[in-house]
Amino acid sequence: MRLKVILITPFLALMAGAESFAQCSMCRAVTNSNMQNDDFVGTGLNPAIIYLMILPYVLLSVIAFVFFRKQIMQRLRSFFG
């Protein structure tokens, strides 16, 4: 079972990466064509992408911080307790 997971995981990661690169280039082409036509639809696209990219990392960091802080406090209580 573990061998199947080890073999399938890199394949799935490569497949997901190919789709994401294709989407980024399509978005770039659309925004570049809109910018050349004096249509400023794509001006807020880059800050929006950065906002959407950073938010999951911030949430994951906060959850990890709370979890590890709770674990450290429990270990300190059991050590001194």
PDB file of N, CA and C in Angstrom:
ATOM      1  N   MET A   1       0.827  -1.208   0.000  1.00  0.00           N
ATOM      2  CA  MET A   1       0.000   0.000   0.000  1.00  0.00           C
ATOM      3  C   MET A   1       0.863   1.260   0.000  1.00  0.00           C
ATOM      4  N   ARG A   2       1.901   1.268   0.855  1.00  0.00           N
ATOM      5  CA  ARG A   2       2.764   2.440   0.921  1.00  0.00           C
ATOM      6  C   ARG A   2       3.506   2.656  -0.386  1.00  0.00           C
ATOM      7  N   LEU A   3       3.892   1.556  -1.032  1.00  0.00           N
ATOM      8  CA  LEU A   3       4.611   1.661  -2.293  1.00  0.00           C
ATOM      9  C   LEU A   3       3.737   2.297  -3.365  1.00  0.00           C
ATOM     10  N   LYS A   4       2.452   1.943  -3.385  1.00  0.00           N
ATOM     11  CA  LYS A   4       1.533   2.550  -4.349  1.00  0.00           C
ATOM     12  C   LYS A   4       1.421   4.056  -4.131  1.00  0.00           C
ATOM     13  N   VAL A   5       1.303   4.459  -2.881  1.00  0.00           N
ATOM     14  CA  VAL A   5       1.182   5.886  -2.561  1.00  0.00           C
ATOM     15  C   VAL A   5       2.462   6.620  -2.947  1.00  0.00           C
ATOM     16  N   ILE A   6       3.611   6.000  -2.670  1.00  0.00           N
ATOM     17  CA  ILE A   6       4.893   6.626  -2.996  1.00  0.00           C
ATOM     18  C   ILE A   6       5.052   6.779  -4.504  1.00  0.00           C
ATOM     19  N   LEU A   7       4.560   5.833  -5.268  1.00  0.00           N
ATOM     20  CA  LEU A   7       4.687   5.900  -6.717  1.00  0.00           C
ATOM     21  C   LEU A   7       3.660   6.815  -7.367  1.00  0.00           C
ATOM     22  N   ILE A   8       2.469   6.893  -6.808  1.00  0.00           N
ATOM     23  CA  ILE A   8       1.393   7.682  -7.408  1.00  0.00           C
ATOM     24  C   ILE A   8       1.516   9.170  -7.072  1.00  0.00           C
ATOM     25  N   THR A   9       1.991   9.515  -5.893  1.00  0.00           N
ATOM     26  CA  THR A   9       2.041  10.907  -5.451  1.00  0.00           C
ATOM     27  C   THR A   9       2.868  11.804  -6.379  1.00  0.00           C
ATOM     28  N   PRO A  10       4.095  11.434  -6.765  1.00  0.00           N
ATOM     29  CA  PRO A  10       4.829  12.325  -7.686  1.00  0.00           C
ATOM     30  C   PRO A  10       4.138  12.476  -9.042  1.00  0.00           C
ATOM     31  N   PHE A  11       3.503  11.427  -9.512  1.00  0.00           N
ATOM     32  CA  PHE A  11       2.782  11.507 -10.776  1.00  0.00           C
ATOM     33  C   PHE A  11       1.641  12.512 -10.697  1.00  0.00           C
ATOM     34  N   LEU A  12       0.868  12.458  -9.625  1.00  0.00           N
ATOM     35  CA  LEU A  12      -0.238  13.398  -9.451  1.00  0.00           C
ATOM     36  C   LEU A  12       0.263  14.834  -9.290  1.00  0.00           C
ATOM     37  N   ALA A  13       1.382  15.002  -8.598  1.00  0.00           N
ATOM     38  CA  ALA A  13       1.948  16.342  -8.425  1.00  0.00           C
ATOM     39  C   ALA A  13       2.390  16.921  -9.764  1.00  0.00           C
ATOM     40  N   LEU A  14       2.974  16.089 -10.612  1.00  0.00           N
ATOM     41  CA  LEU A  14       3.388  16.568 -11.932  1.00  0.00           C
ATOM     42  C   LEU A  14       2.189  16.917 -12.802  1.00  0.00           C
ATOM     43  N   MET A  15       1.128  16.139 -12.714  1.00  0.00           N
ATOM     44  CA  MET A  15      -0.070  16.412 -13.501  1.00  0.00           C
ATOM     45  C   MET A  15      -0.729  17.723 -13.057  1.00  0.00           C
ATOM     46  N   ALA A  16      -0.786  17.967 -11.774  1.00  0.00           N
ATOM     47  CA  ALA A  16      -1.389  19.209 -11.275  1.00  0.00           C
ATOM     48  C   ALA A  16      -0.541  20.408 -11.665  1.00  0.00           C
ATOM     49  N   GLY A  17       0.775  20.257 -11.666  1.00  0.00           N
ATOM     50  CA  GLY A  17       1.666  21.355 -12.032  1.00  0.00           C
ATOM     51  C   GLY A  17       1.509  21.771 -13.481  1.00  0.00           C
ATOM     52  N   ALA A  18       1.291  20.812 -14.368  1.00  0.00           N
ATOM     53  CA  ALA A  18       1.145  21.135 -15.787  1.00  0.00           C
ATOM     54  C   ALA A  18      -0.115  21.950 -16.035  1.00  0.00           C
ATOM     55  N   GLU A  19      -1.177  21.631 -15.351  1.00  0.00           N
ATOM     56  CA  GLU A  19      -2.424  22.378 -15.516  1.00  0.00           C
ATOM     57  C   GLU A  19      -2.288  23.793 -14.963  1.00  0.00           C
ATOM     58  N   SER A  20      -1.608  23.942 -13.851  1.00  0.00           N
ATOM     59  CA  SER A  20      -1.496  25.269 -13.256  1.00  0.00           C
ATOM     60  C   SER A  20      -0.629  26.187 -14.107  1.00  0.00           C
ATOM     61  N   PHE A  21       0.431  25.664 -14.729  1.00  0.00           N
ATOM     62  CA  PHE A  21       1.255  26.496 -15.593  1.00  0.00           C
ATOM     63  C   PHE A  21       0.475  26.939 -16.821  1.00  0.00           C
ATOM     64  N   ALA A  22      -0.344  26.069 -17.364  1.00  0.00           N
ATOM     65  CA  ALA A  22      -1.137  26.417 -18.543  1.00  0.00           C
ATOM     66  C   ALA A  22      -2.132  27.526 -18.190  1.00  0.00           C
ATOM     67  N   GLN A  23      -2.746  27.435 -17.041  1.00  0.00           N
ATOM     68  CA  GLN A  23      -3.712  28.444 -16.648  1.00  0.00           C
ATOM     69  C   GLN A  23      -3.046  29.794 -16.450  1.00  0.00           C
ATOM     70  N   CYS A  24      -1.869  29.813 -15.856  1.00  0.00           N
ATOM     71  CA  CYS A  24      -1.189  31.092 -15.629  1.00  0.00           C
ATOM     72  C   CYS A  24      -0.852  31.779 -16.940  1.00  0.00           C
ATOM     73  N   SER A  25      -0.397  31.026 -17.916  1.00  0.00           N
ATOM     74  CA  SER A  25      -0.057  31.659 -19.188  1.00  0.00           C
ATOM     75  C   SER A  25      -1.308  32.162 -19.910  1.00  0.00           C
ATOM     76  N   MET A  26      -2.415  31.469 -19.750  1.00  0.00           N
ATOM     77  CA  MET A  26      -3.656  31.941 -20.369  1.00  0.00           C
ATOM     78  C   MET A  26      -4.128  33.224 -19.702  1.00  0.00           C
ATOM     79  N   CYS A  27      -4.035  33.282 -18.393  1.00  0.00           N
ATOM     80  CA  CYS A  27      -4.427  34.507 -17.687  1.00  0.00           C
ATOM     81  C   CYS A  27      -3.531  35.668 -18.097  1.00  0.00           C
ATOM     82  N   ARG A  28      -2.242  35.401 -18.222  1.00  0.00           N
ATOM     83  CA  ARG A  28      -1.315  36.456 -18.619  1.00  0.00           C
ATOM     84  C   ARG A  28      -1.634  36.971 -20.015  1.00  0.00           C
ATOM     85  N   ALA A  29      -1.952  36.066 -20.927  1.00  0.00           N
ATOM     86  CA  ALA A  29      -2.264  36.473 -22.301  1.00  0.00           C
ATOM     87  C   ALA A  29      -3.532  37.330 -22.339  1.00  0.00           C
ATOM     88  N   VAL A  30      -4.524  36.948 -21.572  1.00  0.00           N
ATOM     89  CA  VAL A  30      -5.781  37.704 -21.551  1.00  0.00           C
ATOM     90  C   VAL A  30      -5.562  39.088 -20.964  1.00  0.00           C
ATOM     91  N   THR A  31      -4.822  39.180 -19.866  1.00  0.00           N
ATOM     92  CA  THR A  31      -4.602  40.496 -19.257  1.00  0.00           C
ATOM     93  C   THR A  31      -3.729  41.375 -20.126  1.00  0.00           C
ATOM     94  N   ASN A  32      -2.733  40.782 -20.798  1.00  0.00           N
ATOM     95  CA  ASN A  32      -1.902  41.585 -21.700  1.00  0.00           C
ATOM     96  C   ASN A  32      -2.706  42.121 -22.878  1.00  0.00           C
ATOM     97  N   SER A  33      -3.592  41.317 -23.411  1.00  0.00           N
ATOM     98  CA  SER A  33      -4.400  41.795 -24.532  1.00  0.00           C
ATOM     99  C   SER A  33      -5.383  42.875 -24.069  1.00  0.00           C
ATOM    100  N   ASN A  34      -5.900  42.754 -22.850  1.00  0.00           N
ATOM    101  CA  ASN A  34      -6.797  43.782 -22.320  1.00  0.00           C
ATOM    102  C   ASN A  34      -6.049  45.081 -22.038  1.00  0.00           C
ATOM    103  N   MET A  35      -4.807  44.986 -21.582  1.00  0.00           N
ATOM    104  CA  MET A  35      -4.027  46.182 -21.280  1.00  0.00           C
ATOM    105  C   MET A  35      -3.656  46.933 -22.560  1.00  0.00           C
ATOM    106  N   GLN A  36      -3.447  46.228 -23.658  1.00  0.00           N
ATOM    107  CA  GLN A  36      -3.073  46.878 -24.906  1.00  0.00           C
ATOM    108  C   GLN A  36      -4.251  47.612 -25.534  1.00  0.00           C
ATOM    109  N   ASN A  37      -5.457  47.212 -25.234  1.00  0.00           N
ATOM    110  CA  ASN A  37      -6.652  47.847 -25.797  1.00  0.00           C
ATOM    111  C   ASN A  37      -7.167  48.981 -24.914  1.00  0.00           C
ATOM    112  N   ASP A  38      -6.354  49.483 -24.020  1.00  0.00           N
ATOM    113  CA  ASP A  38      -6.732  50.546 -23.071  1.00  0.00           C
ATOM    114  C   ASP A  38      -7.914  50.149 -22.200  1.00  0.00           C
ATOM    115  N   ASP A  39      -8.097  48.858 -22.006  1.00  0.00           N
ATOM    116  CA  ASP A  39      -9.117  48.347 -21.095  1.00  0.00           C
ATOM    117  C   ASP A  39      -8.383  47.848 -19.855  1.00  0.00           C
ATOM    118  N   PHE A  40      -8.591  48.507 -18.739  1.00  0.00           N
ATOM    119  CA  PHE A  40      -7.805  48.214 -17.542  1.00  0.00           C
ATOM    120  C   PHE A  40      -8.490  47.190 -16.642  1.00  0.00           C
ATOM    121  N   VAL A  41      -8.951  46.109 -17.234  1.00  0.00           N
ATOM    122  CA  VAL A  41      -9.585  45.040 -16.454  1.00  0.00           C
ATOM    123  C   VAL A  41      -8.544  44.306 -15.624  1.00  0.00           C
ATOM    124  N   GLY A  42      -7.353  44.134 -16.164  1.00  0.00           N
ATOM    125  CA  GLY A  42      -6.334  43.322 -15.504  1.00  0.00           C
ATOM    126  C   GLY A  42      -5.440  44.055 -14.536  1.00  0.00           C
ATOM    127  N   THR A  43      -5.687  45.325 -14.252  1.00  0.00           N
ATOM    128  CA  THR A  43      -4.783  46.066 -13.368  1.00  0.00           C
ATOM    129  C   THR A  43      -4.817  45.541 -11.941  1.00  0.00           C
ATOM    130  N   GLY A  44      -5.934  45.083 -11.467  1.00  0.00           N
ATOM    131  CA  GLY A  44      -6.025  44.562 -10.107  1.00  0.00           C
ATOM    132  C   GLY A  44      -5.788  43.075 -10.006  1.00  0.00           C
ATOM    133  N   LEU A  45      -5.413  42.453 -11.108  1.00  0.00           N
ATOM    134  CA  LEU A  45      -5.253  41.005 -11.112  1.00  0.00           C
ATOM    135  C   LEU A  45      -4.043  40.558 -10.305  1.00  0.00           C
ATOM    136  N   ASN A  46      -2.905  41.220 -10.446  1.00  0.00           N
ATOM    137  CA  ASN A  46      -1.705  40.803  -9.719  1.00  0.00           C
ATOM    138  C   ASN A  46      -1.864  40.922  -8.208  1.00  0.00           C
ATOM    139  N   PRO A  47      -2.367  42.029  -7.661  1.00  0.00           N
ATOM    140  CA  PRO A  47      -2.585  42.057  -6.206  1.00  0.00           C
ATOM    141  C   PRO A  47      -3.600  41.012  -5.743  1.00  0.00           C
ATOM    142  N   ALA A  48      -4.585  40.720  -6.567  1.00  0.00           N
ATOM    143  CA  ALA A  48      -5.567  39.705  -6.188  1.00  0.00           C
ATOM    144  C   ALA A  48      -4.931  38.321  -6.131  1.00  0.00           C
ATOM    145  N   ILE A  49      -4.056  38.027  -7.079  1.00  0.00           N
ATOM    146  CA  ILE A  49      -3.374  36.732  -7.075  1.00  0.00           C
ATOM    147  C   ILE A  49      -2.479  36.619  -5.855  1.00  0.00           C
ATOM    148  N   ILE A  50      -1.771  37.679  -5.526  1.00  0.00           N
ATOM    149  CA  ILE A  50      -0.898  37.648  -4.352  1.00  0.00           C
ATOM    150  C   ILE A  50      -1.726  37.479  -3.083  1.00  0.00           C
ATOM    151  N   TYR A  51      -2.844  38.160  -2.974  1.00  0.00           N
ATOM    152  CA  TYR A  51      -3.718  38.027  -1.815  1.00  0.00           C
ATOM    153  C   TYR A  51      -4.223  36.598  -1.683  1.00  0.00           C
ATOM    154  N   LEU A  52      -4.674  36.019  -2.775  1.00  0.00           N
ATOM    155  CA  LEU A  52      -5.186  34.657  -2.730  1.00  0.00           C
ATOM    156  C   LEU A  52      -4.079  33.645  -2.469  1.00  0.00           C
ATOM    157  N   MET A  53      -2.864  33.944  -2.854  1.00  0.00           N
ATOM    158  CA  MET A  53      -1.749  33.040  -2.620  1.00  0.00           C
ATOM    159  C   MET A  53      -1.298  33.093  -1.160  1.00  0.00           C
ATOM    160  N   ILE A  54      -1.292  34.269  -0.560  1.00  0.00           N
ATOM    161  CA  ILE A  54      -0.762  34.427   0.794  1.00  0.00           C
ATOM    162  C   ILE A  54      -1.744  33.946   1.857  1.00  0.00           C
ATOM    163  N   LEU A  55      -3.017  34.107   1.641  1.00  0.00           N
ATOM    164  CA  LEU A  55      -4.015  33.792   2.661  1.00  0.00           C
ATOM    165  C   LEU A  55      -3.944  32.348   3.178  1.00  0.00           C
ATOM    166  N   PRO A  56      -3.848  31.321   2.339  1.00  0.00           N
ATOM    167  CA  PRO A  56      -3.743  29.960   2.890  1.00  0.00           C
ATOM    168  C   PRO A  56      -2.479  29.749   3.722  1.00  0.00           C
ATOM    169  N   TYR A  57      -1.367  30.376   3.326  1.00  0.00           N
ATOM    170  CA  TYR A  57      -0.131  30.230   4.097  1.00  0.00           C
ATOM    171  C   TYR A  57      -0.255  30.885   5.467  1.00  0.00           C
ATOM    172  N   VAL A  58      -0.906  32.023   5.531  1.00  0.00           N
ATOM    173  CA  VAL A  58      -1.101  32.692   6.814  1.00  0.00           C
ATOM    174  C   VAL A  58      -1.990  31.850   7.716  1.00  0.00           C
ATOM    175  N   LEU A  59      -3.084  31.338   7.169  1.00  0.00           N
ATOM    176  CA  LEU A  59      -3.977  30.503   7.977  1.00  0.00           C
ATOM    177  C   LEU A  59      -3.282  29.241   8.464  1.00  0.00           C
ATOM    178  N   LEU A  60      -2.521  28.597   7.593  1.00  0.00           N
ATOM    179  CA  LEU A  60      -1.800  27.392   7.985  1.00  0.00           C
ATOM    180  C   LEU A  60      -0.756  27.710   9.047  1.00  0.00           C
ATOM    181  N   SER A  61      -0.095  28.843   8.932  1.00  0.00           N
ATOM    182  CA  SER A  61       0.902  29.238   9.927  1.00  0.00           C
ATOM    183  C   SER A  61       0.265  29.493  11.284  1.00  0.00           C
ATOM    184  N   VAL A  62      -0.874  30.146  11.303  1.00  0.00           N
ATOM    185  CA  VAL A  62      -1.562  30.407  12.573  1.00  0.00           C
ATOM    186  C   VAL A  62      -2.008  29.096  13.218  1.00  0.00           C
ATOM    187  N   ILE A  63      -2.568  28.192  12.431  1.00  0.00           N
ATOM    188  CA  ILE A  63      -3.001  26.897  12.971  1.00  0.00           C
ATOM    189  C   ILE A  63      -1.813  26.113  13.504  1.00  0.00           C
ATOM    190  N   ALA A  64      -0.689  26.107  12.777  1.00  0.00           N
ATOM    191  CA  ALA A  64       0.504  25.401  13.230  1.00  0.00           C
ATOM    192  C   ALA A  64       1.054  26.025  14.507  1.00  0.00           C
ATOM    193  N   PHE A  65       1.056  27.364  14.576  1.00  0.00           N
ATOM    194  CA  PHE A  65       1.544  28.037  15.776  1.00  0.00           C
ATOM    195  C   PHE A  65       0.702  27.679  16.989  1.00  0.00           C
ATOM    196  N   VAL A  66      -0.614  27.709  16.838  1.00  0.00           N
ATOM    197  CA  VAL A  66      -1.501  27.373  17.966  1.00  0.00           C
ATOM    198  C   VAL A  66      -1.304  25.916  18.374  1.00  0.00           C
ATOM    199  N   PHE A  67      -1.210  25.023  17.414  1.00  0.00           N
ATOM    200  CA  PHE A  67      -1.035  23.602  17.715  1.00  0.00           C
ATOM    201  C   PHE A  67       0.277  23.351  18.455  1.00  0.00           C
ATOM    202  N   PHE A  68       1.382  23.888  17.928  1.00  0.00           N
ATOM    203  CA  PHE A  68       2.672  23.640  18.555  1.00  0.00           C
ATOM    204  C   PHE A  68       2.789  24.333  19.896  1.00  0.00           C
ATOM    205  N   ARG A  69       2.195  25.489  20.035  1.00  0.00           N
ATOM    206  CA  ARG A  69       2.215  26.158  21.337  1.00  0.00           C
ATOM    207  C   ARG A  69       1.459  25.330  22.369  1.00  0.00           C
ATOM    208  N   LYS A  70       0.327  24.755  21.963  1.00  0.00           N
ATOM    209  CA  LYS A  70      -0.441  23.903  22.865  1.00  0.00           C
ATOM    210  C   LYS A  70       0.369  22.670  23.257  1.00  0.00           C
ATOM    211  N   GLN A  71       1.071  22.082  22.291  1.00  0.00           N
ATOM    212  CA  GLN A  71       1.887  20.902  22.579  1.00  0.00           C
ATOM    213  C   GLN A  71       3.036  21.252  23.530  1.00  0.00           C
ATOM    214  N   ILE A  72       3.681  22.386  23.315  1.00  0.00           N
ATOM    215  CA  ILE A  72       4.788  22.792  24.180  1.00  0.00           C
ATOM    216  C   ILE A  72       4.292  23.064  25.591  1.00  0.00           C
ATOM    217  N   MET A  73       3.140  23.717  25.712  1.00  0.00           N
ATOM    218  CA  MET A  73       2.593  23.999  27.043  1.00  0.00           C
ATOM    219  C   MET A  73       2.245  22.710  27.772  1.00  0.00           C
ATOM    220  N   GLN A  74       1.698  21.716  27.067  1.00  0.00           N
ATOM    221  CA  GLN A  74       1.379  20.438  27.706  1.00  0.00           C
ATOM    222  C   GLN A  74       2.642  19.727  28.174  1.00  0.00           C
ATOM    223  N   ARG A  75       3.691  19.774  27.374  1.00  0.00           N
ATOM    224  CA  ARG A  75       4.941  19.129  27.767  1.00  0.00           C
ATOM    225  C   ARG A  75       5.588  19.841  28.954  1.00  0.00           C
ATOM    226  N   LEU A  76       5.504  21.166  28.975  1.00  0.00           N
ATOM    227  CA  LEU A  76       6.056  21.900  30.112  1.00  0.00           C
ATOM    228  C   LEU A  76       5.272  21.598  31.377  1.00  0.00           C
ATOM    229  N   ARG A  77       3.957  21.516  31.276  1.00  0.00           N
ATOM    230  CA  ARG A  77       3.134  21.199  32.453  1.00  0.00           C
ATOM    231  C   ARG A  77       3.444  19.802  32.977  1.00  0.00           C
ATOM    232  N   SER A  78       3.620  18.842  32.066  1.00  0.00           N
ATOM    233  CA  SER A  78       3.919  17.476  32.513  1.00  0.00           C
ATOM    234  C   SER A  78       5.336  17.390  33.078  1.00  0.00           C
ATOM    235  N   PHE A  79       6.266  18.212  32.575  1.00  0.00           N
ATOM    236  CA  PHE A  79       7.642  18.187  33.071  1.00  0.00           C
ATOM    237  C   PHE A  79       7.733  18.807  34.459  1.00  0.00           C
ATOM    238  N   PHE A  80       7.053  19.943  34.644  1.00  0.00           N
ATOM    239  CA  PHE A  80       7.115  20.636  35.927  1.00  0.00           C
ATOM    240  C   PHE A  80       5.997  20.222  36.869  1.00  0.00           C
ATOM    241  N   GLY A  81       4.995  19.548  36.347  1.00  0.00           N
ATOM    242  CA  GLY A  81       3.786  19.278  37.074  1.00  0.00           C
ATOM    243  C   GLY A  81       3.815  18.302  38.135  1.00  0.00           C
TER     244      GLY A  81
END
